[in-house]
Amino acid sequence: MTMQRRAGLFAGTMCLTIILAAGCAGPRLAGNAEARRQHALALANLDDANAVPTLTALLQDDNVLVRRAAVHSLAAHGQPGQNVLHQTLRENADGQTRRMALQILCQQRRPDDCLDILETALTDQPLPVRVYAAALLASELPATGRRQQLLQKASRDEDLAVRSLVMRATWPFHNDTVLLRNRPDWDYDVVVTERHPLPETGWKIAIDDDAQGHTRNWFKPEFDDRSWADIAIAKAWEPQGINHDGFAWYRRTFKAPAKPARLNAAELLFEGVDESAWVWLNGVYIGDHDLGLDGWNLPFSLDVTKLLKWGDDNQLTVRVHDSTMAGGIWKPITLEVLE
């Protein structure tokens, strides 16, 4: 760096320090913000004791572009800059600034190399910080060890955006079956000709605190659920002694009626699950209903035409997630025959 360039940067640093110390006597002009941003960018090339303290002060600027420039420039100042970025992620009052600090700290690093940083970010209040952390954790699969544990933590996030992101990356179950009434090739009226309510009692339930019931084969027909608690559907689980927010699994075997003479489709109608559900019939994943808080009182149907054992026993498993207040399969489930 030339002496002239260094002198210019030093003069700019001194002027900016005076401005920051003096505060704002009146409204900032747009040009002042641009000048501060340009100065923050220039400080990336200034290797002296004033650079990091000045950039630290700029992290409190009222202009997001100035703060963003300060974050980027701090990355060029080795360990002192890294230390400030770590502190920024933990303590800065602005969510956008914390999000930028997270990005800079983890860029060009594998997820397993910044797990401490990502664990901190998963507890952040603003959603964009948690979403970015979850995306990084899920960017390399399969996840093992501590990264798998952090993904499990993110899968229990209160916000659907984080949960969905993690689930899409790690969830091994998919079903693209289209309901009869939604098929583009079906030009006929769909009529429900038979309704067979499933039993409301005789169900079993288990809490899934680490959201790993699917890895323990809780959906398989042969799984032994005799140690699970008894529960009924068509009512929330809290009045039945399950004081829980999070994941829980329901299981029950029911006998299907004889196969109708006329049949175009068979569907299970869930009148209400608070608030999200993932469903298996006879060990096969048949679909989900995961709209977050908005889905707690919305009915949904899942096609079982090819899987239902007519006139025989069928095993139904429902994984439920509830994030607040009452939870569970709080309305009836009905087997519907469609023509």
C-alpha atoms as a PDB file:
ATOM      1  CA  MET A   1       0.000   0.000   0.000  1.00  0.00           C
ATOM      2  CA  THR A   2       1.347   3.444  -0.930  1.00  0.00           C
ATOM      3  CA  MET A   3       1.970   6.075   1.707  1.00  0.00           C
ATOM      4  CA  GLN A   4      -0.655   8.265   0.046  1.00  0.00           C
ATOM      5  CA  ARG A   5      -3.233   5.460   0.170  1.00  0.00           C
ATOM      6  CA  ARG A   6      -2.446   4.698   3.828  1.00  0.00           C
ATOM      7  CA  ALA A   7      -2.687   8.388   4.713  1.00  0.00           C
ATOM      8  CA  GLY A   8      -6.051   8.629   3.006  1.00  0.00           C
ATOM      9  CA  LEU A   9      -7.371   5.623   4.868  1.00  0.00           C
ATOM     10  CA  PHE A  10      -6.025   6.952   8.157  1.00  0.00           C
ATOM     11  CA  ALA A  11      -7.663  10.315   7.574  1.00  0.00           C
ATOM     12  CA  GLY A  12     -10.938   8.638   6.666  1.00  0.00           C
ATOM     13  CA  THR A  13     -10.729   6.475   9.781  1.00  0.00           C
ATOM     14  CA  MET A  14     -10.165   9.489  11.996  1.00  0.00           C
ATOM     15  CA  CYS A  15     -13.054  11.383  10.412  1.00  0.00           C
ATOM     16  CA  LEU A  16     -15.374   8.408  10.751  1.00  0.00           C
ATOM     17  CA  THR A  17     -14.320   7.899  14.365  1.00  0.00           C
ATOM     18  CA  ILE A  18     -15.175  11.519  15.116  1.00  0.00           C
ATOM     19  CA  ILE A  19     -18.573  11.123  13.420  1.00  0.00           C
ATOM     20  CA  LEU A  20     -19.330   7.922  15.348  1.00  0.00           C
ATOM     21  CA  ALA A  21     -18.225   9.457  18.638  1.00  0.00           C
ATOM     22  CA  ALA A  22     -20.134  12.666  18.126  1.00  0.00           C
ATOM     23  CA  GLY A  23     -23.366  10.956  17.150  1.00  0.00           C
ATOM     24  CA  CYS A  24     -25.976  12.382  14.830  1.00  0.00           C
ATOM     25  CA  ALA A  25     -27.109  15.923  15.459  1.00  0.00           C
ATOM     26  CA  GLY A  26     -29.617  15.645  12.618  1.00  0.00           C
ATOM     27  CA  PRO A  27     -30.840  13.218   9.946  1.00  0.00           C
ATOM     28  CA  ARG A  28     -28.091  11.398   8.056  1.00  0.00           C
ATOM     29  CA  LEU A  29     -27.781  12.210   4.390  1.00  0.00           C
ATOM     30  CA  ALA A  30     -27.875   9.339   1.897  1.00  0.00           C
ATOM     31  CA  GLY A  31     -24.397  10.303   0.741  1.00  0.00           C
ATOM     32  CA  ASN A  32     -23.042   9.900   4.244  1.00  0.00           C
ATOM     33  CA  ALA A  33     -24.255   6.294   4.373  1.00  0.00           C
ATOM     34  CA  GLU A  34     -22.605   5.548   1.041  1.00  0.00           C
ATOM     35  CA  ALA A  35     -19.411   7.170   2.246  1.00  0.00           C
ATOM     36  CA  ARG A  36     -19.461   5.027   5.374  1.00  0.00           C
ATOM     37  CA  ARG A  37     -20.073   1.917   3.302  1.00  0.00           C
ATOM     38  CA  GLN A  38     -17.192   2.683   0.959  1.00  0.00           C
ATOM     39  CA  HIS A  39     -14.949   3.387   3.909  1.00  0.00           C
ATOM     40  CA  ALA A  40     -15.917   0.093   5.542  1.00  0.00           C
ATOM     41  CA  LEU A  41     -14.998  -1.746   2.354  1.00  0.00           C
ATOM     42  CA  ALA A  42     -11.694   0.079   2.129  1.00  0.00           C
ATOM     43  CA  LEU A  43     -10.816  -0.932   5.681  1.00  0.00           C
ATOM     44  CA  ALA A  44     -10.485  -4.519   4.468  1.00  0.00           C
ATOM     45  CA  ASN A  45      -7.125  -3.458   3.050  1.00  0.00           C
ATOM     46  CA  LEU A  46      -5.922  -1.499   6.068  1.00  0.00           C
ATOM     47  CA  ASP A  47      -3.719  -3.568   8.321  1.00  0.00           C
ATOM     48  CA  ASP A  48      -3.368  -1.480  11.454  1.00  0.00           C
ATOM     49  CA  ALA A  49      -4.773  -1.252  14.960  1.00  0.00           C
ATOM     50  CA  ASN A  50      -7.575   1.151  13.934  1.00  0.00           C
ATOM     51  CA  ALA A  51      -9.267  -1.087  11.353  1.00  0.00           C
ATOM     52  CA  VAL A  52     -10.970  -3.679  13.552  1.00  0.00           C
ATOM     53  CA  PRO A  53     -12.231  -1.209  16.221  1.00  0.00           C
ATOM     54  CA  THR A  54     -13.646   1.062  13.509  1.00  0.00           C
ATOM     55  CA  LEU A  55     -15.338  -1.829  11.745  1.00  0.00           C
ATOM     56  CA  THR A  56     -16.720  -2.990  15.090  1.00  0.00           C
ATOM     57  CA  ALA A  57     -18.279   0.435  15.562  1.00  0.00           C
ATOM     58  CA  LEU A  58     -19.724   0.295  12.045  1.00  0.00           C
ATOM     59  CA  LEU A  59     -21.591  -2.898  12.948  1.00  0.00           C
ATOM     60  CA  GLN A  60     -23.939  -0.627  14.914  1.00  0.00           C
ATOM     61  CA  ASP A  61     -24.579   1.681  11.938  1.00  0.00           C
ATOM     62  CA  ASP A  62     -28.214   2.450  11.162  1.00  0.00           C
ATOM     63  CA  ASN A  63     -27.748   1.477   7.495  1.00  0.00           C
ATOM     64  CA  VAL A  64     -27.793  -2.222   6.635  1.00  0.00           C
ATOM     65  CA  LEU A  65     -25.448  -1.774   3.677  1.00  0.00           C
ATOM     66  CA  VAL A  66     -22.858  -0.198   5.964  1.00  0.00           C
ATOM     67  CA  ARG A  67     -23.180  -3.070   8.420  1.00  0.00           C
ATOM     68  CA  ARG A  68     -22.896  -5.609   5.608  1.00  0.00           C
ATOM     69  CA  ALA A  69     -19.723  -3.955   4.330  1.00  0.00           C
ATOM     70  CA  ALA A  70     -18.274  -3.986   7.837  1.00  0.00           C
ATOM     71  CA  VAL A  71     -18.967  -7.708   8.200  1.00  0.00           C
ATOM     72  CA  HIS A  72     -17.257  -8.489   4.905  1.00  0.00           C
ATOM     73  CA  SER A  73     -14.239  -6.377   5.764  1.00  0.00           C
ATOM     74  CA  LEU A  74     -13.848  -7.956   9.196  1.00  0.00           C
ATOM     75  CA  ALA A  75     -13.381 -11.308   7.452  1.00  0.00           C
ATOM     76  CA  ALA A  76     -10.146  -9.970   5.957  1.00  0.00           C
ATOM     77  CA  HIS A  77      -8.609  -9.265   9.385  1.00  0.00           C
ATOM     78  CA  GLY A  78      -7.711 -12.755  10.513  1.00  0.00           C
ATOM     79  CA  GLN A  79      -8.394 -13.896  14.032  1.00  0.00           C
ATOM     80  CA  PRO A  80      -9.210 -10.418  15.454  1.00  0.00           C
ATOM     81  CA  GLY A  81     -11.888 -10.023  12.798  1.00  0.00           C
ATOM     82  CA  GLN A  82     -13.147 -13.553  13.389  1.00  0.00           C
ATOM     83  CA  ASN A  83     -13.447 -12.827  17.100  1.00  0.00           C
ATOM     84  CA  VAL A  84     -15.619  -9.793  16.399  1.00  0.00           C
ATOM     85  CA  LEU A  85     -17.814 -11.797  14.006  1.00  0.00           C
ATOM     86  CA  HIS A  86     -18.329 -14.492  16.639  1.00  0.00           C
ATOM     87  CA  GLN A  87     -19.352 -11.807  19.113  1.00  0.00           C
ATOM     88  CA  THR A  88     -21.612 -10.268  16.463  1.00  0.00           C
ATOM     89  CA  LEU A  89     -23.407 -13.571  15.955  1.00  0.00           C
ATOM     90  CA  ARG A  90     -24.048 -13.839  19.678  1.00  0.00           C
ATOM     91  CA  GLU A  91     -24.763 -10.260  20.663  1.00  0.00           C
ATOM     92  CA  ASN A  92     -25.560  -7.893  17.784  1.00  0.00           C
ATOM     93  CA  ALA A  93     -29.087  -6.529  18.146  1.00  0.00           C
ATOM     94  CA  ASP A  94     -29.875  -6.718  14.430  1.00  0.00           C
ATOM     95  CA  GLY A  95     -30.922 -10.050  12.914  1.00  0.00           C
ATOM     96  CA  GLN A  96     -29.689  -9.176   9.423  1.00  0.00           C
ATOM     97  CA  THR A  97     -26.242  -8.392  10.763  1.00  0.00           C
ATOM     98  CA  ARG A  98     -26.132 -11.685  12.682  1.00  0.00           C
ATOM     99  CA  ARG A  99     -27.213 -13.499   9.509  1.00  0.00           C
ATOM    100  CA  MET A 100     -24.368 -11.920   7.552  1.00  0.00           C
ATOM    101  CA  ALA A 101     -21.864 -12.755  10.275  1.00  0.00           C
ATOM    102  CA  LEU A 102     -22.989 -16.388  10.172  1.00  0.00           C
ATOM    103  CA  GLN A 103     -22.563 -16.507   6.406  1.00  0.00           C
ATOM    104  CA  ILE A 104     -19.049 -15.043   6.548  1.00  0.00           C
ATOM    105  CA  LEU A 105     -17.950 -17.318   9.395  1.00  0.00           C
ATOM    106  CA  CYS A 106     -19.093 -20.468   7.594  1.00  0.00           C
ATOM    107  CA  GLN A 107     -18.393 -19.660   3.962  1.00  0.00           C
ATOM    108  CA  GLN A 108     -15.860 -21.914   2.260  1.00  0.00           C
ATOM    109  CA  ARG A 109     -16.028 -24.292   5.226  1.00  0.00           C
ATOM    110  CA  ARG A 110     -17.680 -27.676   5.469  1.00  0.00           C
ATOM    111  CA  PRO A 111     -20.660 -27.887   7.848  1.00  0.00           C
ATOM    112  CA  ASP A 112     -18.743 -30.222  10.176  1.00  0.00           C
ATOM    113  CA  ASP A 113     -16.063 -27.543  10.565  1.00  0.00           C
ATOM    114  CA  CYS A 114     -18.355 -24.887  12.017  1.00  0.00           C
ATOM    115  CA  LEU A 115     -20.757 -26.819  14.228  1.00  0.00           C
ATOM    116  CA  ASP A 116     -20.265 -24.555  17.261  1.00  0.00           C
ATOM    117  CA  ILE A 117     -21.254 -21.563  15.151  1.00  0.00           C
ATOM    118  CA  LEU A 118     -24.284 -23.344  13.673  1.00  0.00           C
ATOM    119  CA  GLU A 119     -25.466 -24.528  17.084  1.00  0.00           C
ATOM    120  CA  THR A 120     -25.462 -20.909  18.276  1.00  0.00           C
ATOM    121  CA  ALA A 121     -27.359 -19.831  15.160  1.00  0.00           C
ATOM    122  CA  LEU A 122     -30.090 -22.448  15.678  1.00  0.00           C
ATOM    123  CA  THR A 123     -31.118 -20.639  18.875  1.00  0.00           C
ATOM    124  CA  ASP A 124     -31.369 -17.232  17.184  1.00  0.00           C
ATOM    125  CA  GLN A 125     -34.737 -15.499  17.321  1.00  0.00           C
ATOM    126  CA  PRO A 126     -34.968 -14.134  13.743  1.00  0.00           C
ATOM    127  CA  LEU A 127     -36.032 -16.822  11.295  1.00  0.00           C
ATOM    128  CA  PRO A 128     -33.472 -16.061   8.506  1.00  0.00           C
ATOM    129  CA  VAL A 129     -30.565 -16.921  10.823  1.00  0.00           C
ATOM    130  CA  ARG A 130     -32.065 -20.293  11.769  1.00  0.00           C
ATOM    131  CA  VAL A 131     -33.024 -21.080   8.181  1.00  0.00           C
ATOM    132  CA  TYR A 132     -29.483 -20.399   6.960  1.00  0.00           C
ATOM    133  CA  ALA A 133     -28.006 -22.525   9.743  1.00  0.00           C
ATOM    134  CA  ALA A 134     -30.357 -25.411   8.973  1.00  0.00           C
ATOM    135  CA  ALA A 135     -29.562 -25.166   5.248  1.00  0.00           C
ATOM    136  CA  LEU A 136     -25.848 -25.437   5.961  1.00  0.00           C
ATOM    137  CA  LEU A 137     -26.344 -28.402   8.285  1.00  0.00           C
ATOM    138  CA  ALA A 138     -28.346 -30.208   5.600  1.00  0.00           C
ATOM    139  CA  SER A 139     -26.036 -29.294   2.709  1.00  0.00           C
ATOM    140  CA  GLU A 140     -24.019 -32.523   2.988  1.00  0.00           C
ATOM    141  CA  LEU A 141     -25.690 -35.895   3.475  1.00  0.00           C
ATOM    142  CA  PRO A 142     -25.639 -38.293   5.136  1.00  0.00           C
ATOM    143  CA  ALA A 143     -25.222 -36.419   8.390  1.00  0.00           C
ATOM    144  CA  THR A 144     -23.655 -38.251  11.306  1.00  0.00           C
ATOM    145  CA  GLY A 145     -22.609 -37.593  14.883  1.00  0.00           C
ATOM    146  CA  ARG A 146     -23.056 -34.105  16.208  1.00  0.00           C
ATOM    147  CA  ARG A 147     -24.330 -32.692  12.906  1.00  0.00           C
ATOM    148  CA  GLN A 148     -27.108 -35.272  12.907  1.00  0.00           C
ATOM    149  CA  GLN A 149     -27.978 -34.212  16.459  1.00  0.00           C
ATOM    150  CA  LEU A 150     -28.156 -30.567  15.391  1.00  0.00           C
ATOM    151  CA  LEU A 151     -30.386 -31.490  12.446  1.00  0.00           C
ATOM    152  CA  GLN A 152     -32.669 -33.295  14.877  1.00  0.00           C
ATOM    153  CA  LYS A 153     -32.779 -30.130  16.958  1.00  0.00           C
ATOM    154  CA  ALA A 154     -33.624 -28.059  13.873  1.00  0.00           C
ATOM    155  CA  SER A 155     -36.379 -30.543  12.940  1.00  0.00           C
ATOM    156  CA  ARG A 156     -38.173 -29.495  16.142  1.00  0.00           C
ATOM    157  CA  ASP A 157     -37.973 -25.765  15.369  1.00  0.00           C
ATOM    158  CA  GLU A 158     -41.163 -23.806  16.055  1.00  0.00           C
ATOM    159  CA  ASP A 159     -41.229 -22.475  12.501  1.00  0.00           C
ATOM    160  CA  LEU A 160     -42.397 -24.570   9.557  1.00  0.00           C
ATOM    161  CA  ALA A 161     -39.745 -23.103   7.232  1.00  0.00           C
ATOM    162  CA  VAL A 162     -36.900 -24.572   9.295  1.00  0.00           C
ATOM    163  CA  ARG A 163     -38.635 -27.901   9.916  1.00  0.00           C
ATOM    164  CA  SER A 164     -39.561 -28.311   6.261  1.00  0.00           C
ATOM    165  CA  LEU A 165     -36.065 -27.513   5.083  1.00  0.00           C
ATOM    166  CA  VAL A 166     -34.522 -30.128   7.359  1.00  0.00           C
ATOM    167  CA  MET A 167     -37.187 -32.702   6.587  1.00  0.00           C
ATOM    168  CA  ARG A 168     -36.841 -32.276   2.818  1.00  0.00           C
ATOM    169  CA  ALA A 169     -33.123 -32.873   3.143  1.00  0.00           C
ATOM    170  CA  THR A 170     -33.223 -35.796   5.548  1.00  0.00           C
ATOM    171  CA  TRP A 171     -36.722 -37.336   5.418  1.00  0.00           C
ATOM    172  CA  PRO A 172     -36.498 -40.746   3.682  1.00  0.00           C
ATOM    173  CA  PHE A 173     -40.243 -41.153   2.960  1.00  0.00           C
ATOM    174  CA  HIS A 174     -42.109 -39.804  -0.075  1.00  0.00           C
ATOM    175  CA  ASN A 175     -45.414 -40.468  -1.781  1.00  0.00           C
ATOM    176  CA  ASP A 176     -46.632 -38.639  -4.874  1.00  0.00           C
ATOM    177  CA  THR A 177     -50.039 -40.331  -5.199  1.00  0.00           C
ATOM    178  CA  VAL A 178     -52.678 -37.875  -6.417  1.00  0.00           C
ATOM    179  CA  LEU A 179     -56.186 -38.059  -4.973  1.00  0.00           C
ATOM    180  CA  LEU A 180     -58.857 -39.201  -7.424  1.00  0.00           C
ATOM    181  CA  ARG A 181     -60.635 -35.841  -7.351  1.00  0.00           C
ATOM    182  CA  ASN A 182     -57.357 -34.073  -8.196  1.00  0.00           C
ATOM    183  CA  ARG A 183     -56.246 -36.286 -11.078  1.00  0.00           C
ATOM    184  CA  PRO A 184     -56.092 -34.300 -14.346  1.00  0.00           C
ATOM    185  CA  ASP A 185     -57.197 -37.372 -16.335  1.00  0.00           C
ATOM    186  CA  TRP A 186     -60.358 -37.938 -14.267  1.00  0.00           C
ATOM    187  CA  ASP A 187     -63.332 -36.180 -15.871  1.00  0.00           C
ATOM    188  CA  TYR A 188     -66.103 -37.658 -13.732  1.00  0.00           C
ATOM    189  CA  ASP A 189     -67.823 -36.525 -10.569  1.00  0.00           C
ATOM    190  CA  VAL A 190     -66.343 -38.118  -7.463  1.00  0.00           C
ATOM    191  CA  VAL A 191     -69.007 -39.486  -5.120  1.00  0.00           C
ATOM    192  CA  VAL A 192     -68.450 -40.960  -1.664  1.00  0.00           C
ATOM    193  CA  THR A 193     -70.557 -44.123  -1.611  1.00  0.00           C
ATOM    194  CA  GLU A 194     -69.475 -45.592   1.734  1.00  0.00           C
ATOM    195  CA  ARG A 195     -68.065 -44.202   4.968  1.00  0.00           C
ATOM    196  CA  HIS A 196     -66.489 -46.442   7.598  1.00  0.00           C
ATOM    197  CA  PRO A 197     -65.330 -44.608  10.758  1.00  0.00           C
ATOM    198  CA  LEU A 198     -62.200 -46.043  12.323  1.00  0.00           C
ATOM    199  CA  PRO A 199     -62.393 -46.997  16.005  1.00  0.00           C
ATOM    200  CA  GLU A 200     -61.755 -44.069  18.327  1.00  0.00           C
ATOM    201  CA  THR A 201     -60.450 -46.196  21.193  1.00  0.00           C
ATOM    202  CA  GLY A 202     -57.766 -48.869  21.366  1.00  0.00           C
ATOM    203  CA  TRP A 203     -54.963 -46.685  20.015  1.00  0.00           C
ATOM    204  CA  LYS A 204     -51.382 -46.604  21.317  1.00  0.00           C
ATOM    205  CA  ILE A 205     -49.154 -43.530  21.640  1.00  0.00           C
ATOM    206  CA  ALA A 206     -45.463 -42.835  22.307  1.00  0.00           C
ATOM    207  CA  ILE A 207     -43.559 -39.563  22.692  1.00  0.00           C
ATOM    208  CA  ASP A 208     -40.722 -39.036  20.204  1.00  0.00           C
ATOM    209  CA  ASP A 209     -38.499 -36.473  21.924  1.00  0.00           C
ATOM    210  CA  ASP A 210     -35.580 -36.776  19.501  1.00  0.00           C
ATOM    211  CA  ALA A 211     -37.771 -37.051  16.348  1.00  0.00           C
ATOM    212  CA  GLN A 212     -36.179 -40.366  15.443  1.00  0.00           C
ATOM    213  CA  GLY A 213     -39.115 -42.750  15.723  1.00  0.00           C
ATOM    214  CA  HIS A 214     -38.916 -43.467  11.994  1.00  0.00           C
ATOM    215  CA  THR A 215     -35.336 -44.753  12.398  1.00  0.00           C
ATOM    216  CA  ARG A 216     -36.608 -47.113  15.113  1.00  0.00           C
ATOM    217  CA  ASN A 217     -39.187 -48.597  12.712  1.00  0.00           C
ATOM    218  CA  TRP A 218     -42.210 -47.342  14.650  1.00  0.00           C
ATOM    219  CA  PHE A 219     -44.185 -47.401  11.389  1.00  0.00           C
ATOM    220  CA  LYS A 220     -43.717 -51.110  10.642  1.00  0.00           C
ATOM    221  CA  PRO A 221     -46.681 -53.433  11.192  1.00  0.00           C
ATOM    222  CA  GLU A 222     -44.592 -55.910  13.152  1.00  0.00           C
ATOM    223  CA  PHE A 223     -43.292 -53.302  15.610  1.00  0.00           C
ATOM    224  CA  ASP A 224     -44.189 -54.222  19.202  1.00  0.00           C
ATOM    225  CA  ASP A 225     -46.097 -51.259  20.686  1.00  0.00           C
ATOM    226  CA  ARG A 226     -47.474 -53.077  23.745  1.00  0.00           C
ATOM    227  CA  SER A 227     -45.384 -50.894  26.068  1.00  0.00           C
ATOM    228  CA  TRP A 228     -46.874 -47.690  24.602  1.00  0.00           C
ATOM    229  CA  ALA A 229     -49.543 -45.760  26.476  1.00  0.00           C
ATOM    230  CA  ASP A 230     -53.238 -46.191  25.654  1.00  0.00           C
ATOM    231  CA  ILE A 231     -55.037 -43.279  24.031  1.00  0.00           C
ATOM    232  CA  ALA A 232     -58.188 -42.430  22.093  1.00  0.00           C
ATOM    233  CA  ILE A 233     -58.546 -40.304  18.982  1.00  0.00           C
ATOM    234  CA  ALA A 234     -61.233 -37.698  18.292  1.00  0.00           C
ATOM    235  CA  LYS A 235     -59.929 -35.776  21.297  1.00  0.00           C
ATOM    236  CA  ALA A 236     -56.672 -33.954  22.054  1.00  0.00           C
ATOM    237  CA  TRP A 237     -53.951 -35.785  23.940  1.00  0.00           C
ATOM    238  CA  GLU A 238     -53.647 -33.253  26.814  1.00  0.00           C
ATOM    239  CA  PRO A 239     -56.981 -34.184  28.446  1.00  0.00           C
ATOM    240  CA  GLN A 240     -55.764 -37.782  28.286  1.00  0.00           C
ATOM    241  CA  GLY A 241     -52.637 -37.120  30.328  1.00  0.00           C
ATOM    242  CA  ILE A 242     -50.165 -36.394  27.502  1.00  0.00           C
ATOM    243  CA  ASN A 243     -48.822 -32.940  28.415  1.00  0.00           C
ATOM    244  CA  HIS A 244     -46.453 -32.598  25.500  1.00  0.00           C
ATOM    245  CA  ASP A 245     -45.478 -30.236  22.683  1.00  0.00           C
ATOM    246  CA  GLY A 246     -43.464 -31.928  19.960  1.00  0.00           C
ATOM    247  CA  PHE A 247     -43.582 -35.250  18.112  1.00  0.00           C
ATOM    248  CA  ALA A 248     -45.651 -38.286  19.121  1.00  0.00           C
ATOM    249  CA  TRP A 249     -46.750 -41.425  17.281  1.00  0.00           C
ATOM    250  CA  TYR A 250     -50.154 -43.150  17.172  1.00  0.00           C
ATOM    251  CA  ARG A 251     -50.646 -46.789  16.182  1.00  0.00           C
ATOM    252  CA  ARG A 252     -53.686 -49.015  15.745  1.00  0.00           C
ATOM    253  CA  THR A 253     -54.845 -52.020  13.746  1.00  0.00           C
ATOM    254  CA  PHE A 254     -58.349 -51.811  12.253  1.00  0.00           C
ATOM    255  CA  LYS A 255     -60.390 -54.212  10.152  1.00  0.00           C
ATOM    256  CA  ALA A 256     -61.468 -52.958   6.744  1.00  0.00           C
ATOM    257  CA  PRO A 257     -64.901 -53.865   5.319  1.00  0.00           C
ATOM    258  CA  ALA A 258     -65.375 -56.244   2.421  1.00  0.00           C
ATOM    259  CA  LYS A 259     -64.337 -54.827  -0.932  1.00  0.00           C
ATOM    260  CA  PRO A 260     -67.247 -53.000  -2.604  1.00  0.00           C
ATOM    261  CA  ALA A 261     -68.509 -54.198  -5.939  1.00  0.00           C
ATOM    262  CA  ARG A 262     -68.032 -50.724  -7.386  1.00  0.00           C
ATOM    263  CA  LEU A 263     -64.841 -48.887  -6.464  1.00  0.00           C
ATOM    264  CA  ASN A 264     -62.743 -46.189  -8.081  1.00  0.00           C
ATOM    265  CA  ALA A 265     -60.687 -45.231  -5.021  1.00  0.00           C
ATOM    266  CA  ALA A 266     -60.409 -45.574  -1.268  1.00  0.00           C
ATOM    267  CA  GLU A 267     -59.201 -42.757   0.973  1.00  0.00           C
ATOM    268  CA  LEU A 268     -58.590 -42.127   4.645  1.00  0.00           C
ATOM    269  CA  LEU A 269     -60.185 -38.849   5.686  1.00  0.00           C
ATOM    270  CA  PHE A 270     -58.552 -37.176   8.699  1.00  0.00           C
ATOM    271  CA  GLU A 271     -60.962 -34.556   9.972  1.00  0.00           C
ATOM    272  CA  GLY A 272     -58.421 -32.854  12.223  1.00  0.00           C
ATOM    273  CA  VAL A 273     -54.837 -33.417  13.407  1.00  0.00           C
ATOM    274  CA  ASP A 274     -53.212 -30.735  15.547  1.00  0.00           C
ATOM    275  CA  GLU A 275     -51.144 -29.745  13.828  1.00  0.00           C
ATOM    276  CA  SER A 276     -49.061 -31.841  11.389  1.00  0.00           C
ATOM    277  CA  ALA A 277     -49.230 -35.518  10.438  1.00  0.00           C
ATOM    278  CA  TRP A 278     -47.202 -38.145   8.561  1.00  0.00           C
ATOM    279  CA  VAL A 279     -49.017 -41.415   7.833  1.00  0.00           C
ATOM    280  CA  TRP A 280     -48.176 -45.075   7.073  1.00  0.00           C
ATOM    281  CA  LEU A 281     -50.604 -47.867   6.199  1.00  0.00           C
ATOM    282  CA  ASN A 282     -49.373 -51.448   6.508  1.00  0.00           C
ATOM    283  CA  GLY A 283     -45.820 -50.166   6.718  1.00  0.00           C
ATOM    284  CA  VAL A 284     -46.027 -48.056   3.542  1.00  0.00           C
ATOM    285  CA  TYR A 285     -45.804 -44.265   3.685  1.00  0.00           C
ATOM    286  CA  ILE A 286     -48.981 -42.769   2.207  1.00  0.00           C
ATOM    287  CA  GLY A 287     -48.403 -39.034   2.705  1.00  0.00           C
ATOM    288  CA  ASP A 288     -48.449 -36.100   5.072  1.00  0.00           C
ATOM    289  CA  HIS A 289     -50.289 -32.987   6.163  1.00  0.00           C
ATOM    290  CA  ASP A 290     -47.714 -30.420   7.263  1.00  0.00           C
ATOM    291  CA  LEU A 291     -48.878 -26.819   7.112  1.00  0.00           C
ATOM    292  CA  GLY A 292     -47.556 -25.881  10.541  1.00  0.00           C
ATOM    293  CA  LEU A 293     -49.872 -23.917  12.812  1.00  0.00           C
ATOM    294  CA  ASP A 294     -52.247 -23.233   9.919  1.00  0.00           C
ATOM    295  CA  GLY A 295     -53.103 -26.924   9.520  1.00  0.00           C
ATOM    296  CA  TRP A 296     -54.410 -27.797  12.969  1.00  0.00           C
ATOM    297  CA  ASN A 297     -58.118 -27.688  12.033  1.00  0.00           C
ATOM    298  CA  LEU A 298     -58.006 -28.498   8.314  1.00  0.00           C
ATOM    299  CA  PRO A 299     -59.273 -31.912   7.118  1.00  0.00           C
ATOM    300  CA  PHE A 300     -57.148 -33.881   4.656  1.00  0.00           C
ATOM    301  CA  SER A 301     -57.407 -37.160   2.740  1.00  0.00           C
ATOM    302  CA  LEU A 302     -54.799 -39.749   1.715  1.00  0.00           C
ATOM    303  CA  ASP A 303     -55.239 -42.394  -0.973  1.00  0.00           C
ATOM    304  CA  VAL A 304     -55.110 -46.050   0.199  1.00  0.00           C
ATOM    305  CA  THR A 305     -56.628 -47.730  -2.878  1.00  0.00           C
ATOM    306  CA  LYS A 306     -53.686 -50.036  -3.613  1.00  0.00           C
ATOM    307  CA  LEU A 307     -52.646 -50.691  -0.012  1.00  0.00           C
ATOM    308  CA  LEU A 308     -55.852 -51.419   1.856  1.00  0.00           C
ATOM    309  CA  LYS A 309     -56.487 -55.067   2.734  1.00  0.00           C
ATOM    310  CA  TRP A 310     -60.235 -55.406   2.192  1.00  0.00           C
ATOM    311  CA  GLY A 311     -61.958 -57.599   4.741  1.00  0.00           C
ATOM    312  CA  ASP A 312     -58.758 -57.956   6.742  1.00  0.00           C
ATOM    313  CA  ASP A 313     -56.660 -56.258   9.421  1.00  0.00           C
ATOM    314  CA  ASN A 314     -54.723 -53.091   8.475  1.00  0.00           C
ATOM    315  CA  GLN A 315     -52.086 -51.376  10.563  1.00  0.00           C
ATOM    316  CA  LEU A 316     -52.202 -47.552  10.665  1.00  0.00           C
ATOM    317  CA  THR A 317     -49.403 -45.383  12.062  1.00  0.00           C
ATOM    318  CA  VAL A 318     -49.599 -41.592  12.377  1.00  0.00           C
ATOM    319  CA  ARG A 319     -46.666 -39.396  13.387  1.00  0.00           C
ATOM    320  CA  VAL A 320     -47.998 -36.126  14.826  1.00  0.00           C
ATOM    321  CA  HIS A 321     -46.271 -32.845  15.584  1.00  0.00           C
ATOM    322  CA  ASP A 322     -47.778 -30.184  17.833  1.00  0.00           C
ATOM    323  CA  SER A 323     -45.901 -27.001  18.667  1.00  0.00           C
ATOM    324  CA  THR A 324     -48.254 -25.286  21.091  1.00  0.00           C
ATOM    325  CA  MET A 325     -51.465 -25.696  23.082  1.00  0.00           C
ATOM    326  CA  ALA A 326     -53.625 -28.793  22.424  1.00  0.00           C
ATOM    327  CA  GLY A 327     -52.298 -31.514  20.152  1.00  0.00           C
ATOM    328  CA  GLY A 328     -53.034 -34.887  18.605  1.00  0.00           C
ATOM    329  CA  ILE A 329     -55.622 -36.590  16.396  1.00  0.00           C
ATOM    330  CA  TRP A 330     -58.480 -34.570  17.831  1.00  0.00           C
ATOM    331  CA  LYS A 331     -61.146 -35.455  15.249  1.00  0.00           C
ATOM    332  CA  PRO A 332     -62.287 -38.778  13.739  1.00  0.00           C
ATOM    333  CA  ILE A 333     -60.647 -40.749  10.918  1.00  0.00           C
ATOM    334  CA  THR A 334     -62.926 -42.275   8.267  1.00  0.00           C
ATOM    335  CA  LEU A 335     -62.330 -44.766   5.484  1.00  0.00           C
ATOM    336  CA  GLU A 336     -64.191 -43.483   2.422  1.00  0.00           C
ATOM    337  CA  VAL A 337     -65.133 -45.474  -0.686  1.00  0.00           C
ATOM    338  CA  LEU A 338     -65.252 -43.328  -3.826  1.00  0.00           C
ATOM    339  CA  GLU A 339     -66.877 -43.809  -7.205  1.00  0.00           C
END
